[in-house]
Amino acid sequence: MSDHLASSIEAKPRRGLPEQFQEKWGPVFRPELRGNKEMEHLRDSGKSGNALTRYFSRFDDGALIRAAFVGVLIGSAAVLGMDLRELVDRNGGLWPSAAPQPFEQGVTVLPPVIDGGDAGEQSADPRRFVTTDRTMLRNPVRFTLRAGGVLSVEGAIDPGASARFAAELEARGEYVSTVAFNSPGGSLEDAMAMARLVRERGLSTRVEDGAICASSCPLILAGGVTRQAGAKAAIGVHQFYAAEEIANPAQAMADAQMITARISRHLDEMGIDPALWLHALDTPPRALYYLTPEQLQRYRLVTGPITLARN
């Protein structure tokens, strides 16, 4: 049957059939024609490849290498551009506003005394009464439960101290009635958080004879429902400063004002006269304004009478 059809195809041109019919359907019935078509396709491909080779042969090797290098640079720039766009979208802009930096107060143990500034009041100088080992005060704060339900808080208020303080109260809070401080201060955020925990649990606070409560420590002392200070206790304040340098002066000023407002609000909520913090604002970070017994009572930082210490 196939031989008959093939013979018919060969005969059709002699009977006047269109040549295009023979070109289209002839290879279907004649394998040798299919082979010829495939060979023609390969020759055409070879001609195209030769043409491409002849095209690039017109350029020297240096020009080709430079063109390839430029292509790599363009591709790298495109990838970096996409990465930059993703980073900008994630950060909210190419130049996002700086987030407020955490503020801390120095942990210099027993810094020098400073005068009362514009108020004209003379700072006290109780440093001679402080008997605590200064090396111990520089270490991160630690908690010790003593007899009579007194939880001793000694050392620098390091970042994370408030979380450890909360865990301590959660574990042994039922035995605690008073929190006694011996600290040169430290993190403002942790100090205010610790004060809130003290107030929420209805605890009393105190600074014993020979102990110091300076810098941010008085903010925790303010949290007690009743607050006491020994006649030979050292309680002082000074300016806070950023834990990390802020390059933008306007941002630094805005952050400082915000923190000052938070401290004033904190003292007011605890029943303390916010005017106490004016002494801190007048005092450089490397000095300390030690509050007198009269000032401690006037600003309500203590709730009981204090006997003046004698040499």
Protein backbone atom coordinates (compact mmCIF):
# COMPACT_ATOMS: atom_id res chain seq x y z
CA MET A 1 0.00 0.00 0.00
CA SER A 2 2.76 2.45 0.97
CA ASP A 3 4.71 1.55 -2.18
CA HIS A 4 1.67 2.38 -4.24
CA LEU A 5 1.24 5.79 -2.52
CA ALA A 6 4.92 6.59 -2.93
CA SER A 7 4.74 5.70 -6.63
CA SER A 8 1.69 7.93 -6.94
CA ILE A 9 3.59 10.83 -5.38
CA GLU A 10 6.44 10.36 -7.85
CA ALA A 11 4.00 10.22 -10.71
CA LYS A 12 1.94 13.26 -9.68
CA PRO A 13 4.42 15.89 -10.93
CA ARG A 14 4.32 14.25 -14.32
CA ARG A 15 0.52 14.62 -14.26
CA GLY A 16 0.77 18.32 -13.29
CA LEU A 17 0.27 18.24 -9.45
CA PRO A 18 1.62 21.34 -7.67
CA GLU A 19 5.26 21.06 -6.67
CA GLN A 20 4.57 22.42 -3.20
CA PHE A 21 2.45 19.35 -2.47
CA GLN A 22 5.42 17.17 -3.32
CA GLU A 23 7.75 19.23 -1.11
CA LYS A 24 5.33 19.11 1.85
CA TRP A 25 4.19 15.50 1.82
CA GLY A 26 6.99 13.71 0.04
CA PRO A 27 9.22 13.31 3.14
CA VAL A 28 6.33 11.76 5.05
CA PHE A 29 6.27 8.74 2.77
CA ARG A 30 9.93 8.60 1.68
CA PRO A 31 12.51 8.11 4.48
CA GLU A 32 15.41 9.10 2.24
CA LEU A 33 13.85 12.53 1.80
CA ARG A 34 13.44 12.89 5.57
CA GLY A 35 17.14 12.21 5.97
CA ASN A 36 17.93 14.82 3.38
CA LYS A 37 15.82 17.40 5.23
CA GLU A 38 17.60 16.68 8.53
CA MET A 39 20.97 17.09 6.84
CA GLU A 40 19.87 20.40 5.41
CA HIS A 41 18.78 21.52 8.92
CA LEU A 42 22.16 20.59 10.37
CA ARG A 43 23.93 22.43 7.56
CA ASP A 44 21.79 25.50 8.22
CA SER A 45 22.64 25.31 11.96
CA GLY A 46 26.30 24.98 11.13
CA LYS A 47 26.06 27.99 8.87
CA SER A 48 24.44 29.98 11.71
CA GLY A 49 27.15 28.91 14.16
CA ASN A 50 29.81 29.80 11.63
CA ALA A 51 28.19 33.17 11.12
CA LEU A 52 28.22 33.83 14.91
CA THR A 53 31.85 32.78 15.07
CA ARG A 54 32.72 35.03 12.15
CA TYR A 55 30.91 37.92 13.89
CA PHE A 56 32.87 37.63 17.15
CA SER A 57 36.12 37.02 15.27
CA ARG A 58 35.99 40.64 14.18
CA PHE A 59 36.76 41.72 17.78
CA ASP A 60 40.07 41.22 19.54
CA ASP A 61 40.27 39.24 22.77
CA GLY A 62 40.77 42.36 24.93
CA ALA A 63 37.55 43.91 23.68
CA LEU A 64 35.61 40.72 24.41
CA ILE A 65 37.03 40.50 27.94
CA ARG A 66 36.18 44.15 28.60
CA ALA A 67 32.64 43.61 27.33
CA ALA A 68 32.24 40.56 29.59
CA PHE A 69 33.57 42.52 32.58
CA VAL A 70 31.15 45.37 31.92
CA GLY A 71 28.33 42.83 31.79
CA VAL A 72 29.35 41.40 35.16
CA LEU A 73 29.45 44.92 36.66
CA ILE A 74 26.00 45.73 35.33
CA GLY A 75 24.62 42.48 36.74
CA SER A 76 26.22 43.11 40.14
CA ALA A 77 24.85 46.66 40.21
CA ALA A 78 21.37 45.33 39.48
CA VAL A 79 21.58 42.82 42.34
CA LEU A 80 22.88 45.49 44.74
CA GLY A 81 20.09 47.80 43.66
CA MET A 82 17.46 45.19 44.49
CA ASP A 83 19.09 44.51 47.87
CA LEU A 84 19.19 48.24 48.65
CA ARG A 85 15.55 48.63 47.77
CA GLU A 86 14.62 45.75 50.08
CA LEU A 87 16.69 47.30 52.89
CA VAL A 88 15.07 50.71 52.42
CA ASP A 89 11.58 49.19 52.44
CA ARG A 90 12.36 47.25 55.60
CA ASN A 91 13.82 50.25 57.48
CA GLY A 92 11.14 52.68 56.44
CA GLY A 93 13.33 54.93 54.26
CA LEU A 94 16.85 55.58 53.15
CA TRP A 95 17.56 57.82 56.15
CA PRO A 96 15.23 56.60 58.92
CA SER A 97 14.99 58.73 62.04
CA ALA A 98 17.22 57.54 64.83
CA ALA A 99 15.47 55.60 67.59
CA PRO A 100 15.79 57.02 71.10
CA GLN A 101 18.93 55.71 72.72
CA PRO A 102 18.85 54.10 76.17
CA PHE A 103 20.18 56.42 78.85
CA GLU A 104 22.30 55.40 81.78
CA GLN A 105 23.88 57.05 84.74
CA GLY A 106 27.45 56.54 85.74
CA VAL A 107 28.49 53.96 88.28
CA THR A 108 31.46 55.93 89.57
CA VAL A 109 31.64 55.04 93.23
CA LEU A 110 31.66 58.05 95.59
CA PRO A 111 32.30 60.83 93.06
CA PRO A 112 33.24 64.31 94.31
CA VAL A 113 30.74 66.69 95.86
CA ILE A 114 29.31 69.65 93.94
CA ASP A 115 27.70 72.81 95.28
CA GLY A 116 24.00 73.40 95.01
CA GLY A 117 24.14 75.49 91.83
CA ASP A 118 21.55 78.24 91.34
CA ALA A 119 19.60 77.14 94.39
CA GLY A 120 22.53 78.23 96.52
CA GLU A 121 22.23 75.16 98.73
CA GLN A 122 25.36 73.40 99.91
CA SER A 123 25.54 69.70 99.15
CA ALA A 124 26.20 67.35 102.00
CA ASP A 125 29.38 65.26 102.08
CA PRO A 126 28.60 61.91 103.66
CA ARG A 127 31.38 60.04 101.85
CA ARG A 128 33.38 59.61 105.03
CA PHE A 129 30.56 57.50 106.44
CA VAL A 130 30.44 55.01 103.55
CA THR A 131 32.06 51.75 104.61
CA THR A 132 31.16 49.51 101.66
CA ASP A 133 33.88 47.87 99.57
CA ARG A 134 34.02 49.98 96.41
CA THR A 135 35.07 47.05 94.22
CA MET A 136 31.91 45.20 95.21
CA LEU A 137 29.77 48.20 94.29
CA ARG A 138 31.13 48.14 90.72
CA ASN A 139 29.91 44.58 90.19
CA PRO A 140 26.43 43.87 88.75
CA VAL A 141 23.70 44.10 91.35
CA ARG A 142 23.02 41.04 93.49
CA PHE A 143 20.19 40.20 95.87
CA THR A 144 20.49 38.70 99.35
CA LEU A 145 17.58 37.88 101.67
CA ARG A 146 18.49 38.78 105.25
CA ALA A 147 16.80 38.25 108.57
CA GLY A 148 13.68 40.26 109.28
CA GLY A 149 12.41 40.13 105.70
CA VAL A 150 15.06 42.51 104.33
CA LEU A 151 16.11 42.01 100.73
CA SER A 152 19.56 43.53 100.23
CA VAL A 153 20.23 45.07 96.79
CA GLU A 154 23.98 45.68 96.37
CA GLY A 155 26.02 46.63 93.31
CA ALA A 156 25.57 48.52 90.05
CA ILE A 157 22.14 48.57 88.38
CA ASP A 158 23.18 46.89 85.14
CA PRO A 159 20.88 46.42 82.13
CA GLY A 160 18.66 43.45 82.90
CA ALA A 161 18.73 44.04 86.68
CA SER A 162 14.97 44.69 86.78
CA ALA A 163 14.23 41.27 85.25
CA ARG A 164 16.42 39.53 87.84
CA PHE A 165 14.81 41.59 90.60
CA ALA A 166 11.35 40.52 89.41
CA ALA A 167 12.45 36.88 89.42
CA GLU A 168 13.82 37.25 92.95
CA LEU A 169 10.56 38.73 94.22
CA GLU A 170 8.59 36.04 92.45
CA ALA A 171 10.64 33.33 94.12
CA ARG A 172 10.92 34.76 97.66
CA GLY A 173 8.67 37.80 97.68
CA GLU A 174 6.42 36.43 100.42
CA TYR A 175 9.31 36.72 102.87
CA VAL A 176 10.28 40.27 101.83
CA SER A 177 8.89 43.37 103.53
CA THR A 178 11.76 45.85 103.05
CA VAL A 179 14.31 46.44 100.30
CA ALA A 180 17.66 47.90 101.43
CA PHE A 181 19.90 49.57 98.84
CA ASN A 182 23.65 49.90 98.58
CA SER A 183 24.24 50.90 94.97
CA PRO A 184 26.08 53.57 92.95
CA GLY A 185 23.27 53.47 90.36
CA GLY A 186 23.30 52.56 86.68
CA SER A 187 20.56 51.91 84.14
CA LEU A 188 17.66 54.37 84.38
CA GLU A 189 15.21 52.06 82.65
CA ASP A 190 15.91 49.22 85.07
CA ALA A 191 15.81 51.54 88.09
CA MET A 192 12.34 52.84 87.26
CA ALA A 193 11.09 49.32 86.50
CA MET A 194 12.40 48.10 89.87
CA ALA A 195 10.66 51.00 91.63
CA ARG A 196 7.35 50.03 90.07
CA LEU A 197 7.79 46.44 91.26
CA VAL A 198 8.48 47.67 94.80
CA ARG A 199 5.36 49.85 94.78
CA GLU A 200 3.14 47.14 93.28
CA ARG A 201 4.11 44.75 96.09
CA GLY A 202 3.67 47.38 98.80
CA LEU A 203 7.27 47.08 100.07
CA SER A 204 9.23 49.57 102.12
CA THR A 205 12.66 50.86 101.12
CA ARG A 206 15.67 52.17 103.03
CA VAL A 207 19.34 53.11 102.81
CA GLU A 208 21.23 52.01 105.89
CA ASP A 209 24.13 53.67 107.68
CA GLY A 210 27.37 53.28 105.77
CA ALA A 211 25.57 52.51 102.48
CA ILE A 212 25.25 54.59 99.32
CA CYS A 213 22.27 55.13 97.01
CA ALA A 214 23.37 57.33 94.13
CA SER A 215 22.66 58.20 90.51
CA SER A 216 19.59 56.17 89.45
CA CYS A 217 19.30 54.34 92.79
CA PRO A 218 17.15 57.08 94.43
CA LEU A 219 14.54 56.40 91.72
CA ILE A 220 14.17 52.88 93.17
CA LEU A 221 14.19 54.19 96.73
CA ALA A 222 11.22 56.35 95.71
CA GLY A 223 9.15 53.21 95.04
CA GLY A 224 8.80 52.27 98.72
CA VAL A 225 5.46 52.85 100.43
CA THR A 226 7.57 54.01 103.36
CA ARG A 227 11.15 55.23 102.85
CA GLN A 228 13.94 55.56 105.38
CA ALA A 229 17.57 56.66 105.33
CA GLY A 230 20.20 56.23 108.00
CA ALA A 231 21.92 59.25 109.48
CA LYS A 232 25.19 58.06 107.90
CA ALA A 233 23.75 57.06 104.52
CA ALA A 234 24.92 58.73 101.29
CA ILE A 235 22.12 59.60 98.82
CA GLY A 236 22.96 61.61 95.71
CA VAL A 237 21.98 62.42 92.14
CA HIS A 238 23.60 63.71 88.94
CA GLN A 239 22.97 64.06 85.19
CA PHE A 240 22.25 61.05 83.03
CA TYR A 241 23.93 60.41 79.71
CA ALA A 242 23.43 58.19 76.67
CA ALA A 243 24.94 54.70 76.82
CA GLU A 244 25.97 55.20 73.17
CA GLU A 245 27.05 58.41 71.49
CA ILE A 246 24.29 60.04 69.43
CA ALA A 247 25.66 61.71 66.30
CA ASN A 248 22.60 63.93 65.72
CA PRO A 249 22.60 66.81 68.30
CA ALA A 250 18.91 67.51 67.75
CA GLN A 251 18.07 63.86 68.40
CA ALA A 252 20.26 63.84 71.53
CA MET A 253 18.47 66.91 72.90
CA ALA A 254 15.04 65.47 72.14
CA ASP A 255 15.92 62.19 73.86
CA ALA A 256 17.30 64.01 76.91
CA GLN A 257 14.12 66.06 77.27
CA MET A 258 11.98 62.96 76.92
CA ILE A 259 13.95 61.11 79.62
CA THR A 260 13.78 64.12 81.95
CA ALA A 261 10.02 64.23 81.53
CA ARG A 262 9.76 60.50 82.28
CA ILE A 263 11.83 60.86 85.46
CA SER A 264 9.75 63.82 86.65
CA ARG A 265 6.54 61.89 85.99
CA HIS A 266 7.96 58.83 87.76
CA LEU A 267 8.82 60.84 90.89
CA ASP A 268 5.41 62.50 90.91
CA GLU A 269 3.63 59.15 90.62
CA MET A 270 5.66 57.85 93.57
CA GLY A 271 4.70 60.87 95.69
CA ILE A 272 8.12 62.55 95.46
CA ASP A 273 8.58 66.23 94.65
CA PRO A 274 9.99 66.32 91.06
CA ALA A 275 12.00 69.41 92.05
CA LEU A 276 14.47 66.95 93.55
CA TRP A 277 15.72 66.19 90.05
CA LEU A 278 16.77 69.80 89.47
CA HIS A 279 19.86 68.98 91.51
CA ALA A 280 20.61 66.14 89.12
CA LEU A 281 20.29 68.41 86.09
CA ASP A 282 22.74 70.88 87.67
CA THR A 283 25.37 68.23 88.40
CA PRO A 284 27.81 66.81 85.81
CA PRO A 285 27.90 63.02 85.38
CA ARG A 286 31.35 62.71 87.00
CA ALA A 287 30.24 64.55 90.14
CA LEU A 288 27.40 63.95 92.59
CA TYR A 289 24.99 66.13 94.50
CA TYR A 290 24.54 64.54 97.92
CA LEU A 291 21.17 65.38 99.43
CA THR A 292 21.06 66.74 102.96
CA PRO A 293 18.69 65.26 105.55
CA GLU A 294 16.51 68.37 105.27
CA GLN A 295 16.29 67.98 101.48
CA LEU A 296 15.41 64.31 101.75
CA GLN A 297 12.43 65.23 103.91
CA ARG A 298 11.45 68.33 101.93
CA TYR A 299 11.31 66.38 98.66
CA ARG A 300 9.58 63.49 100.48
CA LEU A 301 12.24 60.99 99.39
CA VAL A 302 12.11 59.77 103.00
CA THR A 303 8.96 59.48 105.05
CA GLY A 304 10.48 59.43 108.54
CA PRO A 305 12.68 61.78 110.52
CA ILE A 306 16.46 61.60 110.12
CA THR A 307 18.89 62.36 112.90
CA LEU A 308 21.91 64.34 111.77
CA ALA A 309 25.05 62.28 111.73
CA ARG A 310 27.91 63.22 114.02
CA ASN A 311 31.59 62.63 113.47
